[in-house]
Amino acid sequence: NPVDRVREEEQAAKDSGSDRHASFAGFLMTHNTTVSIK
């Protein structure tokens, strides 16, 4: 649910590490490159 996700993301923003963000960004970069090549 968007409301629940926003609450979780804003709470996680206070204490989440960069590893989570970097790994997710790497996944998105790979995914979008695959979509573009297709």
PDB file of all heavy atoms in Angstrom:
ATOM      1  N   ASN A   1       0.853  -1.184   0.000  1.00  0.00           N
ATOM      2  CA  ASN A   1       0.000   0.000   0.000  1.00  0.00           C
ATOM      3  C   ASN A   1       0.893   1.240   0.000  1.00  0.00           C
ATOM      4  O   ASN A   1       1.836   1.325   0.800  1.00  0.00           O
ATOM      5  CB  ASN A   1      -0.889  -0.008   1.239  1.00  0.00           C
ATOM      6  CG  ASN A   1      -1.825   1.190   1.291  1.00  0.00           C
ATOM      7  OD1 ASN A   1      -1.406   2.298   1.609  1.00  0.00           O
ATOM      8  ND2 ASN A   1      -3.081   0.952   0.974  1.00  0.00           N
ATOM      9  N   PRO A   2       0.647   2.202  -0.892  1.00  0.00           N
ATOM     10  CA  PRO A   2       1.530   3.378  -0.975  1.00  0.00           C
ATOM     11  C   PRO A   2       1.715   4.106   0.354  1.00  0.00           C
ATOM     12  O   PRO A   2       2.826   4.555   0.668  1.00  0.00           O
ATOM     13  CB  PRO A   2       0.824   4.264  -2.008  1.00  0.00           C
ATOM     14  CG  PRO A   2       0.086   3.301  -2.873  1.00  0.00           C
ATOM     15  CD  PRO A   2      -0.376   2.216  -1.941  1.00  0.00           C
ATOM     16  N   VAL A   3       0.658   4.227   1.142  1.00  0.00           N
ATOM     17  CA  VAL A   3       0.773   4.932   2.426  1.00  0.00           C
ATOM     18  C   VAL A   3       1.721   4.192   3.356  1.00  0.00           C
ATOM     19  O   VAL A   3       2.588   4.795   4.011  1.00  0.00           O
ATOM     20  CB  VAL A   3      -0.613   5.082   3.079  1.00  0.00           C
ATOM     21  CG1 VAL A   3      -0.478   5.714   4.478  1.00  0.00           C
ATOM     22  CG2 VAL A   3      -1.523   5.921   2.198  1.00  0.00           C
ATOM     23  N   ASP A   4       1.580   2.850   3.400  1.00  0.00           N
ATOM     24  CA  ASP A   4       2.467   2.050   4.257  1.00  0.00           C
ATOM     25  C   ASP A   4       3.906   2.124   3.765  1.00  0.00           C
ATOM     26  O   ASP A   4       4.845   2.204   4.569  1.00  0.00           O
ATOM     27  CB  ASP A   4       2.007   0.592   4.271  1.00  0.00           C
ATOM     28  CG  ASP A   4       0.656   0.424   4.939  1.00  0.00           C
ATOM     29  OD1 ASP A   4       0.286   1.293   5.750  1.00  0.00           O
ATOM     30  OD2 ASP A   4      -0.043  -0.570   4.621  1.00  0.00           O
ATOM     31  N   ARG A   5       4.088   2.106   2.445  1.00  0.00           N
ATOM     32  CA  ARG A   5       5.450   2.133   1.917  1.00  0.00           C
ATOM     33  C   ARG A   5       6.122   3.475   2.225  1.00  0.00           C
ATOM     34  O   ARG A   5       7.296   3.520   2.577  1.00  0.00           O
ATOM     35  CB  ARG A   5       5.456   1.904   0.405  1.00  0.00           C
ATOM     36  CG  ARG A   5       6.890   1.728  -0.096  1.00  0.00           C
ATOM     37  CD  ARG A   5       7.045   1.876  -1.566  1.00  0.00           C
ATOM     38  NE  ARG A   5       8.478   1.932  -1.873  1.00  0.00           N
ATOM     39  CZ  ARG A   5       8.982   2.438  -2.961  1.00  0.00           C
ATOM     40  NH1 ARG A   5       8.189   2.957  -3.875  1.00  0.00           N
ATOM     41  NH2 ARG A   5      10.279   2.457  -3.167  1.00  0.00           N
ATOM     42  N   VAL A   6       5.396   4.570   2.084  1.00  0.00           N
ATOM     43  CA  VAL A   6       5.973   5.881   2.374  1.00  0.00           C
ATOM     44  C   VAL A   6       6.395   5.957   3.838  1.00  0.00           C
ATOM     45  O   VAL A   6       7.482   6.449   4.166  1.00  0.00           O
ATOM     46  CB  VAL A   6       4.962   6.998   2.049  1.00  0.00           C
ATOM     47  CG1 VAL A   6       5.464   8.339   2.550  1.00  0.00           C
ATOM     48  CG2 VAL A   6       4.714   7.060   0.537  1.00  0.00           C
ATOM     49  N   ARG A   7       5.549   5.440   4.727  1.00  0.00           N
ATOM     50  CA  ARG A   7       5.885   5.456   6.151  1.00  0.00           C
ATOM     51  C   ARG A   7       7.149   4.637   6.412  1.00  0.00           C
ATOM     52  O   ARG A   7       8.051   5.062   7.145  1.00  0.00           O
ATOM     53  CB  ARG A   7       4.717   4.899   6.963  1.00  0.00           C
ATOM     54  CG  ARG A   7       4.922   5.013   8.478  1.00  0.00           C
ATOM     55  CD  ARG A   7       3.786   4.368   9.251  1.00  0.00           C
ATOM     56  NE  ARG A   7       2.497   4.922   8.861  1.00  0.00           N
ATOM     57  CZ  ARG A   7       1.560   4.231   8.194  1.00  0.00           C
ATOM     58  NH1 ARG A   7       1.791   2.980   7.841  1.00  0.00           N
ATOM     59  NH2 ARG A   7       0.415   4.795   7.891  1.00  0.00           N
ATOM     60  N   GLU A   8       7.242   3.462   5.792  1.00  0.00           N
ATOM     61  CA  GLU A   8       8.409   2.601   5.982  1.00  0.00           C
ATOM     62  C   GLU A   8       9.674   3.239   5.407  1.00  0.00           C
ATOM     63  O   GLU A   8      10.755   3.179   6.018  1.00  0.00           O
ATOM     64  CB  GLU A   8       8.169   1.246   5.323  1.00  0.00           C
ATOM     65  CG  GLU A   8       7.093   0.409   5.991  1.00  0.00           C
ATOM     66  CD  GLU A   8       6.809  -0.867   5.236  1.00  0.00           C
ATOM     67  OE1 GLU A   8       7.527  -1.128   4.225  1.00  0.00           O
ATOM     68  OE2 GLU A   8       5.890  -1.612   5.623  1.00  0.00           O
ATOM     69  N   GLU A   9       9.549   3.844   4.223  1.00  0.00           N
ATOM     70  CA  GLU A   9      10.722   4.440   3.576  1.00  0.00           C
ATOM     71  C   GLU A   9      11.245   5.632   4.364  1.00  0.00           C
ATOM     72  O   GLU A   9      12.460   5.814   4.516  1.00  0.00           O
ATOM     73  CB  GLU A   9      10.365   4.876   2.151  1.00  0.00           C
ATOM     74  CG  GLU A   9      10.125   3.724   1.181  1.00  0.00           C
ATOM     75  CD  GLU A   9      11.404   3.008   0.789  1.00  0.00           C
ATOM     76  OE1 GLU A   9      12.505   3.544   1.059  1.00  0.00           O
ATOM     77  OE2 GLU A   9      11.329   1.904   0.236  1.00  0.00           O
ATOM     78  N   GLU A  10      10.352   6.451   4.886  1.00  0.00           N
ATOM     79  CA  GLU A  10      10.783   7.607   5.645  1.00  0.00           C
ATOM     80  C   GLU A  10      11.416   7.199   6.969  1.00  0.00           C
ATOM     81  O   GLU A  10      12.360   7.843   7.442  1.00  0.00           O
ATOM     82  CB  GLU A  10       9.603   8.550   5.874  1.00  0.00           C
ATOM     83  CG  GLU A  10       9.130   9.225   4.589  1.00  0.00           C
ATOM     84  CD  GLU A  10       7.953  10.156   4.819  1.00  0.00           C
ATOM     85  OE1 GLU A  10       7.368  10.094   5.923  1.00  0.00           O
ATOM     86  OE2 GLU A  10       7.617  10.928   3.897  1.00  0.00           O
ATOM     87  N   GLN A  11      10.916   6.098   7.561  1.00  0.00           N
ATOM     88  CA  GLN A  11      11.518   5.607   8.787  1.00  0.00           C
ATOM     89  C   GLN A  11      12.882   4.986   8.495  1.00  0.00           C
ATOM     90  O   GLN A  11      13.862   5.209   9.210  1.00  0.00           O
ATOM     91  CB  GLN A  11      10.600   4.572   9.449  1.00  0.00           C
ATOM     92  CG  GLN A  11      11.162   3.955  10.723  1.00  0.00           C
ATOM     93  CD  GLN A  11      11.402   4.987  11.810  1.00  0.00           C
ATOM     94  OE1 GLN A  11      10.612   5.928  11.965  1.00  0.00           O
ATOM     95  NE2 GLN A  11      12.481   4.824  12.570  1.00  0.00           N
ATOM     96  N   ALA A  12      12.953   4.226   7.402  1.00  0.00           N
ATOM     97  CA  ALA A  12      14.211   3.573   7.033  1.00  0.00           C
ATOM     98  C   ALA A  12      15.267   4.580   6.628  1.00  0.00           C
ATOM     99  O   ALA A  12      16.468   4.316   6.747  1.00  0.00           O
ATOM    100  CB  ALA A  12      13.969   2.584   5.892  1.00  0.00           C
ATOM    101  N   ALA A  13      14.836   5.748   6.146  1.00  0.00           N
ATOM    102  CA  ALA A  13      15.791   6.763   5.710  1.00  0.00           C
ATOM    103  C   ALA A  13      16.664   7.249   6.860  1.00  0.00           C
ATOM    104  O   ALA A  13      17.787   7.713   6.645  1.00  0.00           O
ATOM    105  CB  ALA A  13      15.052   7.949   5.091  1.00  0.00           C
ATOM    106  N   LYS A  14      16.185   7.119   8.080  1.00  0.00           N
ATOM    107  CA  LYS A  14      16.943   7.603   9.225  1.00  0.00           C
ATOM    108  C   LYS A  14      18.117   6.701   9.576  1.00  0.00           C
ATOM    109  O   LYS A  14      19.116   7.156  10.116  1.00  0.00           O
ATOM    110  CB  LYS A  14      16.020   7.729  10.441  1.00  0.00           C
ATOM    111  CG  LYS A  14      14.845   8.661  10.225  1.00  0.00           C
ATOM    112  CD  LYS A  14      13.925   8.648  11.435  1.00  0.00           C
ATOM    113  CE  LYS A  14      12.715   9.552  11.230  1.00  0.00           C
ATOM    114  NZ  LYS A  14      11.777   9.518  12.375  1.00  0.00           N
ATOM    115  N   ASP A  15      17.976   5.391   9.283  1.00  0.00           N
ATOM    116  CA  ASP A  15      19.011   4.478   9.780  1.00  0.00           C
ATOM    117  C   ASP A  15      19.474   3.439   8.756  1.00  0.00           C
ATOM    118  O   ASP A  15      20.266   2.575   9.097  1.00  0.00           O
ATOM    119  CB  ASP A  15      18.512   3.746  11.024  1.00  0.00           C
ATOM    120  CG  ASP A  15      17.144   3.118  10.812  1.00  0.00           C
ATOM    121  OD1 ASP A  15      16.720   2.978   9.640  1.00  0.00           O
ATOM    122  OD2 ASP A  15      16.507   2.774  11.818  1.00  0.00           O
ATOM    123  N   SER A  16      18.995   3.491   7.513  1.00  0.00           N
ATOM    124  CA  SER A  16      19.403   2.471   6.540  1.00  0.00           C
ATOM    125  C   SER A  16      20.788   2.758   6.019  1.00  0.00           C
ATOM    126  O   SER A  16      21.191   3.909   5.879  1.00  0.00           O
ATOM    127  CB  SER A  16      18.417   2.408   5.367  1.00  0.00           C
ATOM    128  OG  SER A  16      18.431   3.620   4.663  1.00  0.00           O
ATOM    129  N   GLY A  17      21.513   1.713   5.718  1.00  0.00           N
ATOM    130  CA  GLY A  17      22.862   1.849   5.179  1.00  0.00           C
ATOM    131  C   GLY A  17      22.850   2.029   3.684  1.00  0.00           C
ATOM    132  O   GLY A  17      21.855   1.820   3.006  1.00  0.00           O
ATOM    133  N   SER A  18      24.006   2.400   3.142  1.00  0.00           N
ATOM    134  CA  SER A  18      24.121   2.642   1.703  1.00  0.00           C
ATOM    135  C   SER A  18      24.145   1.367   0.902  1.00  0.00           C
ATOM    136  O   SER A  18      23.882   1.376  -0.297  1.00  0.00           O
ATOM    137  CB  SER A  18      25.393   3.446   1.413  1.00  0.00           C
ATOM    138  OG  SER A  18      26.536   2.728   1.860  1.00  0.00           O
ATOM    139  N   ASP A  19      24.455   0.206   1.550  1.00  0.00           N
ATOM    140  CA  ASP A  19      24.539  -1.047   0.806  1.00  0.00           C
ATOM    141  C   ASP A  19      23.199  -1.401   0.187  1.00  0.00           C
ATOM    142  O   ASP A  19      23.112  -1.857  -0.949  1.00  0.00           O
ATOM    143  CB  ASP A  19      25.006  -2.186   1.715  1.00  0.00           C
ATOM    144  CG  ASP A  19      26.464  -2.032   2.103  1.00  0.00           C
ATOM    145  OD1 ASP A  19      27.158  -1.253   1.429  1.00  0.00           O
ATOM    146  OD2 ASP A  19      26.889  -2.695   3.070  1.00  0.00           O
ATOM    147  N   ARG A  20      22.139  -1.188   0.941  1.00  0.00           N
ATOM    148  CA  ARG A  20      20.807  -1.498   0.440  1.00  0.00           C
ATOM    149  C   ARG A  20      20.493  -0.657  -0.780  1.00  0.00           C
ATOM    150  O   ARG A  20      20.006  -1.154  -1.797  1.00  0.00           O
ATOM    151  CB  ARG A  20      19.774  -1.260   1.539  1.00  0.00           C
ATOM    152  CG  ARG A  20      18.330  -1.332   1.067  1.00  0.00           C
ATOM    153  CD  ARG A  20      17.382  -1.099   2.234  1.00  0.00           C
ATOM    154  NE  ARG A  20      16.012  -0.980   1.783  1.00  0.00           N
ATOM    155  CZ  ARG A  20      15.451   0.159   1.419  1.00  0.00           C
ATOM    156  NH1 ARG A  20      16.176   1.272   1.422  1.00  0.00           N
ATOM    157  NH2 ARG A  20      14.184   0.199   1.038  1.00  0.00           N
ATOM    158  N   HIS A  21      20.773   0.631  -0.702  1.00  0.00           N
ATOM    159  CA  HIS A  21      20.484   1.523  -1.813  1.00  0.00           C
ATOM    160  C   HIS A  21      21.325   1.176  -3.029  1.00  0.00           C
ATOM    161  O   HIS A  21      20.843   1.155  -4.161  1.00  0.00           O
ATOM    162  CB  HIS A  21      20.739   2.973  -1.393  1.00  0.00           C
ATOM    163  CG  HIS A  21      19.802   3.452  -0.338  1.00  0.00           C
ATOM    164  ND1 HIS A  21      20.183   4.347   0.637  1.00  0.00           N
ATOM    165  CD2 HIS A  21      18.506   3.146  -0.081  1.00  0.00           C
ATOM    166  CE1 HIS A  21      19.159   4.591   1.444  1.00  0.00           C
ATOM    167  NE2 HIS A  21      18.134   3.864   1.028  1.00  0.00           N
ATOM    168  N   ALA A  22      22.601   0.897  -2.819  1.00  0.00           N
ATOM    169  CA  ALA A  22      23.483   0.602  -3.941  1.00  0.00           C
ATOM    170  C   ALA A  22      23.088  -0.684  -4.630  1.00  0.00           C
ATOM    171  O   ALA A  22      23.100  -0.775  -5.864  1.00  0.00           O
ATOM    172  CB  ALA A  22      24.933   0.519  -3.446  1.00  0.00           C
ATOM    173  N   SER A  23      22.729  -1.717  -3.850  1.00  0.00           N
ATOM    174  CA  SER A  23      22.353  -2.999  -4.460  1.00  0.00           C
ATOM    175  C   SER A  23      21.053  -2.862  -5.257  1.00  0.00           C
ATOM    176  O   SER A  23      20.918  -3.423  -6.341  1.00  0.00           O
ATOM    177  CB  SER A  23      22.206  -4.071  -3.371  1.00  0.00           C
ATOM    178  OG  SER A  23      21.185  -3.714  -2.447  1.00  0.00           O
ATOM    179  N   PHE A  24      20.099  -2.102  -4.696  1.00  0.00           N
ATOM    180  CA  PHE A  24      18.844  -1.916  -5.419  1.00  0.00           C
ATOM    181  C   PHE A  24      19.057  -1.094  -6.683  1.00  0.00           C
ATOM    182  O   PHE A  24      18.477  -1.375  -7.733  1.00  0.00           O
ATOM    183  CB  PHE A  24      17.825  -1.231  -4.512  1.00  0.00           C
ATOM    184  CG  PHE A  24      16.471  -1.074  -5.147  1.00  0.00           C
ATOM    185  CD1 PHE A  24      15.726  -2.182  -5.522  1.00  0.00           C
ATOM    186  CD2 PHE A  24      15.943   0.184  -5.397  1.00  0.00           C
ATOM    187  CE1 PHE A  24      14.480  -2.041  -6.111  1.00  0.00           C
ATOM    188  CE2 PHE A  24      14.700   0.337  -5.976  1.00  0.00           C
ATOM    189  CZ  PHE A  24      13.968  -0.790  -6.335  1.00  0.00           C
ATOM    190  N   ALA A  25      19.912  -0.078  -6.612  1.00  0.00           N
ATOM    191  CA  ALA A  25      20.214   0.719  -7.796  1.00  0.00           C
ATOM    192  C   ALA A  25      20.894  -0.134  -8.858  1.00  0.00           C
ATOM    193  O   ALA A  25      20.641   0.014 -10.054  1.00  0.00           O
ATOM    194  CB  ALA A  25      21.097   1.900  -7.426  1.00  0.00           C
ATOM    195  N   GLY A  26      21.782  -1.050  -8.408  1.00  0.00           N
ATOM    196  CA  GLY A  26      22.431  -1.954  -9.359  1.00  0.00           C
ATOM    197  C   GLY A  26      21.426  -2.852 -10.047  1.00  0.00           C
ATOM    198  O   GLY A  26      21.520  -3.099 -11.261  1.00  0.00           O
ATOM    199  N   PHE A  27      20.436  -3.339  -9.287  1.00  0.00           N
ATOM    200  CA  PHE A  27      19.384  -4.154  -9.883  1.00  0.00           C
ATOM    201  C   PHE A  27      18.600  -3.358 -10.921  1.00  0.00           C
ATOM    202  O   PHE A  27      18.320  -3.840 -12.017  1.00  0.00           O
ATOM    203  CB  PHE A  27      18.441  -4.667  -8.795  1.00  0.00           C
ATOM    204  CG  PHE A  27      17.134  -5.184  -9.329  1.00  0.00           C
ATOM    205  CD1 PHE A  27      17.063  -6.429  -9.938  1.00  0.00           C
ATOM    206  CD2 PHE A  27      15.984  -4.422  -9.247  1.00  0.00           C
ATOM    207  CE1 PHE A  27      15.859  -6.903 -10.448  1.00  0.00           C
ATOM    208  CE2 PHE A  27      14.778  -4.874  -9.741  1.00  0.00           C
ATOM    209  CZ  PHE A  27      14.711  -6.138 -10.351  1.00  0.00           C
ATOM    210  N   LEU A  28      18.242  -2.117 -10.570  1.00  0.00           N
ATOM    211  CA  LEU A  28      17.468  -1.292 -11.501  1.00  0.00           C
ATOM    212  C   LEU A  28      18.273  -0.980 -12.761  1.00  0.00           C
ATOM    213  O   LEU A  28      17.730  -0.986 -13.874  1.00  0.00           O
ATOM    214  CB  LEU A  28      17.051   0.012 -10.815  1.00  0.00           C
ATOM    215  CG  LEU A  28      15.940  -0.103  -9.768  1.00  0.00           C
ATOM    216  CD1 LEU A  28      15.685   1.244  -9.126  1.00  0.00           C
ATOM    217  CD2 LEU A  28      14.657  -0.646 -10.391  1.00  0.00           C
ATOM    218  N   MET A  29      19.574  -0.703 -12.604  1.00  0.00           N
ATOM    219  CA  MET A  29      20.394  -0.402 -13.763  1.00  0.00           C
ATOM    220  C   MET A  29      20.451  -1.601 -14.711  1.00  0.00           C
ATOM    221  O   MET A  29      20.318  -1.463 -15.933  1.00  0.00           O
ATOM    222  CB  MET A  29      21.805  -0.010 -13.323  1.00  0.00           C
ATOM    223  CG  MET A  29      22.672   0.574 -14.432  1.00  0.00           C
ATOM    224  SD  MET A  29      24.371   0.921 -13.897  1.00  0.00           S
ATOM    225  CE  MET A  29      24.080   2.045 -12.533  1.00  0.00           C
ATOM    226  N   THR A  30      20.627  -2.792 -14.124  1.00  0.00           N
ATOM    227  CA  THR A  30      20.656  -4.010 -14.940  1.00  0.00           C
ATOM    228  C   THR A  30      19.322  -4.245 -15.613  1.00  0.00           C
ATOM    229  O   THR A  30      19.247  -4.567 -16.807  1.00  0.00           O
ATOM    230  CB  THR A  30      21.023  -5.221 -14.059  1.00  0.00           C
ATOM    231  OG1 THR A  30      22.278  -4.984 -13.437  1.00  0.00           O
ATOM    232  CG2 THR A  30      21.099  -6.483 -14.893  1.00  0.00           C
ATOM    233  N   HIS A  31      18.247  -4.076 -14.851  1.00  0.00           N
ATOM    234  CA  HIS A  31      16.904  -4.293 -15.399  1.00  0.00           C
ATOM    235  C   HIS A  31      16.616  -3.332 -16.552  1.00  0.00           C
ATOM    236  O   HIS A  31      16.147  -3.750 -17.618  1.00  0.00           O
ATOM    237  CB  HIS A  31      15.864  -4.103 -14.294  1.00  0.00           C
ATOM    238  CG  HIS A  31      14.453  -4.060 -14.789  1.00  0.00           C
ATOM    239  ND1 HIS A  31      13.743  -5.191 -15.137  1.00  0.00           N
ATOM    240  CD2 HIS A  31      13.612  -3.009 -15.024  1.00  0.00           C
ATOM    241  CE1 HIS A  31      12.543  -4.855 -15.556  1.00  0.00           C
ATOM    242  NE2 HIS A  31      12.431  -3.536 -15.491  1.00  0.00           N
ATOM    243  N   ASN A  32      16.905  -2.055 -16.340  1.00  0.00           N
ATOM    244  CA  ASN A  32      16.590  -1.063 -17.374  1.00  0.00           C
ATOM    245  C   ASN A  32      17.475  -1.215 -18.602  1.00  0.00           C
ATOM    246  O   ASN A  32      17.035  -0.970 -19.726  1.00  0.00           O
ATOM    247  CB  ASN A  32      16.725   0.344 -16.801  1.00  0.00           C
ATOM    248  CG  ASN A  32      15.661   0.637 -15.765  1.00  0.00           C
ATOM    249  OD1 ASN A  32      14.519   0.235 -15.901  1.00  0.00           O
ATOM    250  ND2 ASN A  32      16.043   1.309 -14.696  1.00  0.00           N
ATOM    251  N   THR A  33      18.726  -1.615 -18.398  1.00  0.00           N
ATOM    252  CA  THR A  33      19.588  -1.885 -19.549  1.00  0.00           C
ATOM    253  C   THR A  33      19.057  -3.054 -20.352  1.00  0.00           C
ATOM    254  O   THR A  33      19.053  -3.030 -21.594  1.00  0.00           O
ATOM    255  CB  THR A  33      21.026  -2.176 -19.074  1.00  0.00           C
ATOM    256  OG1 THR A  33      21.527  -1.050 -18.345  1.00  0.00           O
ATOM    257  CG2 THR A  33      21.944  -2.446 -20.259  1.00  0.00           C
ATOM    258  N   THR A  34      18.585  -4.097 -19.656  1.00  0.00           N
ATOM    259  CA  THR A  34      18.008  -5.252 -20.343  1.00  0.00           C
ATOM    260  C   THR A  34      16.773  -4.856 -21.138  1.00  0.00           C
ATOM    261  O   THR A  34      16.609  -5.260 -22.297  1.00  0.00           O
ATOM    262  CB  THR A  34      17.643  -6.343 -19.318  1.00  0.00           C
ATOM    263  OG1 THR A  34      18.817  -6.725 -18.593  1.00  0.00           O
ATOM    264  CG2 THR A  34      17.061  -7.558 -20.011  1.00  0.00           C
ATOM    265  N   VAL A  35      15.897  -4.065 -20.510  1.00  0.00           N
ATOM    266  CA  VAL A  35      14.689  -3.607 -21.213  1.00  0.00           C
ATOM    267  C   VAL A  35      15.067  -2.786 -22.445  1.00  0.00           C
ATOM    268  O   VAL A  35      14.483  -2.951 -23.521  1.00  0.00           O
ATOM    269  CB  VAL A  35      13.806  -2.776 -20.257  1.00  0.00           C
ATOM    270  CG1 VAL A  35      12.662  -2.112 -21.026  1.00  0.00           C
ATOM    271  CG2 VAL A  35      13.250  -3.661 -19.146  1.00  0.00           C
ATOM    272  N   SER A  36      16.062  -1.917 -22.311  1.00  0.00           N
ATOM    273  CA  SER A  36      16.470  -1.064 -23.433  1.00  0.00           C
ATOM    274  C   SER A  36      17.047  -1.883 -24.576  1.00  0.00           C
ATOM    275  O   SER A  36      16.723  -1.654 -25.747  1.00  0.00           O
ATOM    276  CB  SER A  36      17.510  -0.039 -22.950  1.00  0.00           C
ATOM    277  OG  SER A  36      16.959   0.801 -21.964  1.00  0.00           O
ATOM    278  N   ILE A  37      17.895  -2.839 -24.246  1.00  0.00           N
ATOM    279  CA  ILE A  37      18.475  -3.684 -25.295  1.00  0.00           C
ATOM    280  C   ILE A  37      17.393  -4.496 -25.994  1.00  0.00           C
ATOM    281  O   ILE A  37      17.408  -4.659 -27.220  1.00  0.00           O
ATOM    282  CB  ILE A  37      19.561  -4.599 -24.697  1.00  0.00           C
ATOM    283  CG1 ILE A  37      20.759  -3.753 -24.237  1.00  0.00           C
ATOM    284  CG2 ILE A  37      20.006  -5.648 -25.707  1.00  0.00           C
ATOM    285  CD1 ILE A  37      21.830  -4.548 -23.532  1.00  0.00           C
ATOM    286  N   LYS A  38      16.431  -4.994 -25.219  1.00  0.00           N
ATOM    287  CA  LYS A  38      15.316  -5.731 -25.824  1.00  0.00           C
ATOM    288  C   LYS A  38      14.514  -4.828 -26.758  1.00  0.00           C
ATOM    289  O   LYS A  38      14.151  -5.235 -27.866  1.00  0.00           O
ATOM    290  CB  LYS A  38      14.401  -6.285 -24.740  1.00  0.00           C
ATOM    291  CG  LYS A  38      14.941  -7.502 -24.015  1.00  0.00           C
ATOM    292  CD  LYS A  38      13.925  -7.988 -22.993  1.00  0.00           C
ATOM    293  CE  LYS A  38      14.435  -9.229 -22.261  1.00  0.00           C
ATOM    294  NZ  LYS A  38      13.454  -9.694 -21.241  1.00  0.00           N
TER     295      LYS A  38
END
